[in-house]
Amino acid sequence: MAVVLEPCQGCGALFPPYDGPTHRYIGASAACWALFNDSVMLGAHEATDLLPRSRIAQTHVVVPARSDAAFDSVFGDAYGVQHHGESSPQAIQSVAVHLLNVHGIVTGRTTQPGWALGRALRQKGVFHKLTPPPPGSALTIRHLFPGGGVDRPVTRTQFVLSVYDAWMSLHSTTVEQWYERYVVPDGGVR
């Protein structure tokens, strides 16, 4: 009997049913959250059997050409942005500050990962919910591993740039305004 795969509500990657913990405001399925934590963050690829039983959705996503490790430091930020959650104040602020952190690093406005995030966190209740790009418009965590429809795994930097580009295609003006208003004042560029 074939197992029906279920899409992660944040990224659209397909996973078998999985009963595990989730984050209280990051909108990842339990299976996607487990893959992120076990395989990517802890490097324990065999910690779950999710990897060989999961796959990418059948959508075409452009893979950024840059494949070095330049943006690996904001990989977790990009995952949090992509898995945007619902409309709680914590989820809205999480997307905003993590996107601002990625923005600062990708644009070269800062070279210190976490600097923009820390500065943006000084403000509470000033961000509004950004409409997320549709699932399938950016690479997923599943694209980092072979198999499951992935011919050539991508790098963390390619994942970061793909998520960043998908969100900036919809919200570049807002992100720039937020960066100028909530990150830069009295802090300059780091």
Protein backbone atom coordinates (compact mmCIF):
# COMPACT_ATOMS: atom_id res chain seq x y z
CA MET A 1 0.00 0.00 0.00
CA ALA A 2 1.45 3.35 -1.04
CA VAL A 3 1.76 6.05 1.59
CA VAL A 4 0.06 9.31 0.69
CA LEU A 5 2.49 12.19 1.00
CA GLU A 6 1.30 15.43 2.56
CA PRO A 7 2.64 18.89 1.64
CA CYS A 8 4.32 21.02 4.26
CA GLN A 9 2.13 24.09 4.61
CA GLY A 10 5.16 26.38 4.57
CA CYS A 11 7.22 25.14 1.63
CA GLY A 12 5.18 22.53 -0.22
CA ALA A 13 7.72 19.68 0.12
CA LEU A 14 5.95 16.32 0.35
CA PHE A 15 6.31 14.12 3.42
CA PRO A 16 4.72 10.94 4.77
CA PRO A 17 2.42 11.35 7.78
CA TYR A 18 4.59 12.10 10.78
CA ASP A 19 3.64 12.59 14.41
CA GLY A 20 6.24 14.86 15.93
CA PRO A 21 6.73 18.25 17.50
CA THR A 22 6.31 21.51 15.63
CA HIS A 23 7.32 25.05 16.43
CA ARG A 24 4.62 27.16 18.06
CA TYR A 25 4.65 29.87 15.39
CA ILE A 26 6.88 28.69 12.56
CA GLY A 27 4.50 27.12 10.07
CA ALA A 28 6.33 23.93 9.17
CA SER A 29 4.74 20.51 9.18
CA ALA A 30 6.02 18.13 11.86
CA ALA A 31 7.91 16.16 9.19
CA CYS A 32 9.54 19.22 7.63
CA TRP A 33 10.46 20.57 11.08
CA ALA A 34 12.05 17.20 11.96
CA LEU A 35 14.04 17.14 8.71
CA PHE A 36 15.24 20.70 9.35
CA ASN A 37 16.29 19.99 12.93
CA ASP A 38 17.66 16.47 12.62
CA SER A 39 19.20 16.34 9.17
CA VAL A 40 20.21 19.93 8.59
CA MET A 41 20.88 21.56 11.93
CA LEU A 42 22.20 18.49 13.77
CA GLY A 43 23.68 16.71 10.75
CA ALA A 44 22.03 13.45 11.79
CA HIS A 45 20.75 12.33 8.39
CA GLU A 46 19.59 8.98 9.72
CA ALA A 47 17.83 10.43 12.78
CA THR A 48 14.50 9.95 11.04
CA ASP A 49 13.44 7.88 8.07
CA LEU A 50 11.80 10.94 6.51
CA LEU A 51 14.45 11.72 3.93
CA PRO A 52 14.07 8.59 1.77
CA ARG A 53 10.27 8.74 2.07
CA SER A 54 9.89 12.43 1.16
CA ARG A 55 10.09 14.28 -2.13
CA ILE A 56 9.84 17.66 -3.77
CA ALA A 57 6.62 18.81 -5.40
CA GLN A 58 6.46 18.61 -9.18
CA THR A 59 7.04 22.32 -9.80
CA HIS A 60 9.91 23.97 -11.62
CA VAL A 61 11.94 26.25 -9.38
CA VAL A 62 14.87 28.26 -10.66
CA VAL A 63 18.08 27.34 -8.88
CA PRO A 64 20.26 30.39 -8.20
CA ALA A 65 23.64 30.17 -9.93
CA ARG A 66 25.63 31.11 -6.85
CA SER A 67 26.56 27.96 -4.96
CA ASP A 68 29.27 28.99 -2.50
CA ALA A 69 28.73 29.14 1.26
CA ALA A 70 28.40 32.94 1.43
CA PHE A 71 24.90 32.93 2.91
CA ASP A 72 24.95 29.75 4.96
CA SER A 73 24.89 31.88 8.12
CA VAL A 74 21.30 32.96 7.39
CA PHE A 75 20.02 29.54 6.35
CA GLY A 76 17.87 29.19 9.48
CA ASP A 77 16.49 32.69 8.92
CA ALA A 78 15.43 31.78 5.38
CA TYR A 79 13.78 28.58 6.64
CA GLY A 80 11.83 30.62 9.20
CA VAL A 81 10.69 33.10 6.56
CA GLN A 82 9.59 30.38 4.17
CA HIS A 83 7.66 28.66 6.97
CA HIS A 84 5.77 31.82 7.81
CA GLY A 85 3.08 30.44 10.09
CA GLU A 86 -0.25 32.08 10.70
CA SER A 87 -1.23 35.60 11.71
CA SER A 88 -0.11 35.64 15.33
CA PRO A 89 2.00 38.62 16.42
CA GLN A 90 4.94 36.25 17.02
CA ALA A 91 4.69 34.73 13.52
CA ILE A 92 4.41 38.16 11.87
CA GLN A 93 7.40 39.51 13.78
CA SER A 94 9.40 36.33 13.16
CA VAL A 95 8.99 36.59 9.37
CA ALA A 96 9.81 40.31 9.43
CA VAL A 97 12.98 40.14 11.53
CA HIS A 98 14.33 37.01 9.84
CA LEU A 99 13.66 38.48 6.40
CA LEU A 100 15.39 41.71 7.46
CA ASN A 101 18.37 39.66 8.67
CA VAL A 102 18.61 37.82 5.33
CA HIS A 103 18.17 41.13 3.50
CA GLY A 104 21.04 42.76 5.38
CA ILE A 105 23.44 39.92 4.59
CA VAL A 106 22.40 39.29 0.97
CA THR A 107 22.55 42.98 0.04
CA GLY A 108 25.82 43.55 1.90
CA ARG A 109 24.23 46.15 4.18
CA THR A 110 25.82 44.22 7.04
CA THR A 111 28.40 41.47 7.31
CA GLN A 112 27.32 40.43 10.80
CA PRO A 113 24.62 37.74 10.82
CA GLY A 114 22.09 38.53 13.51
CA TRP A 115 22.86 42.27 13.65
CA ALA A 116 19.80 43.32 11.62
CA LEU A 117 17.61 40.83 13.46
CA GLY A 118 18.66 42.16 16.85
CA ARG A 119 18.06 45.74 15.80
CA ALA A 120 14.64 44.94 14.31
CA LEU A 121 13.60 43.09 17.48
CA ARG A 122 13.79 46.38 19.39
CA GLN A 123 10.44 47.24 17.81
CA LYS A 124 7.31 45.35 18.81
CA GLY A 125 4.02 45.45 16.94
CA VAL A 126 5.27 47.58 14.02
CA PHE A 127 5.32 44.91 11.32
CA HIS A 128 2.34 43.68 9.34
CA LYS A 129 1.76 40.25 7.84
CA LEU A 130 3.36 39.81 4.44
CA THR A 131 1.48 37.67 1.95
CA PRO A 132 3.72 34.66 1.38
CA PRO A 133 4.73 33.52 -2.08
CA PRO A 134 2.79 30.45 -3.20
CA PRO A 135 4.29 27.06 -2.32
CA GLY A 136 6.54 25.92 -5.14
CA SER A 137 7.92 29.39 -5.87
CA ALA A 138 11.17 28.73 -4.01
CA LEU A 139 13.47 25.82 -3.26
CA THR A 140 12.59 23.75 -0.19
CA ILE A 141 14.69 22.08 2.47
CA ARG A 142 14.10 18.80 0.60
CA HIS A 143 16.10 20.21 -2.35
CA LEU A 144 19.26 19.95 -0.21
CA PHE A 145 19.26 16.14 -0.46
CA PRO A 146 19.43 13.67 -3.38
CA GLY A 147 16.50 11.47 -4.27
CA GLY A 148 12.82 12.25 -3.93
CA GLY A 149 12.78 14.05 -7.27
CA VAL A 150 16.04 15.91 -6.64
CA ASP A 151 18.66 15.13 -9.28
CA ARG A 152 21.28 17.55 -8.02
CA PRO A 153 21.06 18.79 -4.42
CA VAL A 154 21.34 22.52 -3.88
CA THR A 155 23.51 24.38 -1.39
CA ARG A 156 22.29 26.29 1.62
CA THR A 157 23.22 29.53 -0.14
CA GLN A 158 21.08 28.57 -3.14
CA PHE A 159 18.18 27.83 -0.78
CA VAL A 160 18.63 31.19 0.97
CA LEU A 161 18.74 33.12 -2.30
CA SER A 162 15.71 31.28 -3.69
CA VAL A 163 13.58 32.03 -0.62
CA TYR A 164 14.85 35.62 -0.49
CA ASP A 165 14.10 36.22 -4.18
CA ALA A 166 10.58 34.76 -3.86
CA TRP A 167 9.71 37.04 -0.94
CA MET A 168 11.44 40.12 -2.37
CA SER A 169 9.59 39.72 -5.66
CA LEU A 170 6.43 40.49 -3.68
CA HIS A 171 7.68 42.75 -0.88
CA SER A 172 10.92 44.54 -1.84
CA THR A 173 9.56 48.03 -1.16
CA THR A 174 8.22 47.06 2.27
CA VAL A 175 11.42 45.26 3.26
CA GLU A 176 13.57 48.23 2.19
CA GLN A 177 11.33 50.61 4.16
CA TRP A 178 11.44 48.40 7.23
CA TYR A 179 15.22 48.10 6.99
CA GLU A 180 15.63 51.88 6.82
CA ARG A 181 13.09 52.54 9.57
CA TYR A 182 13.79 49.76 12.09
CA VAL A 183 17.32 48.51 11.46
CA VAL A 184 19.49 51.42 10.26
CA PRO A 185 18.51 54.35 12.56
CA ASP A 186 21.32 55.26 14.96
CA GLY A 187 23.10 52.04 14.07
CA GLY A 188 24.61 52.77 10.70
CA VAL A 189 25.88 49.85 8.72
CA ARG A 190 27.77 46.95 10.29
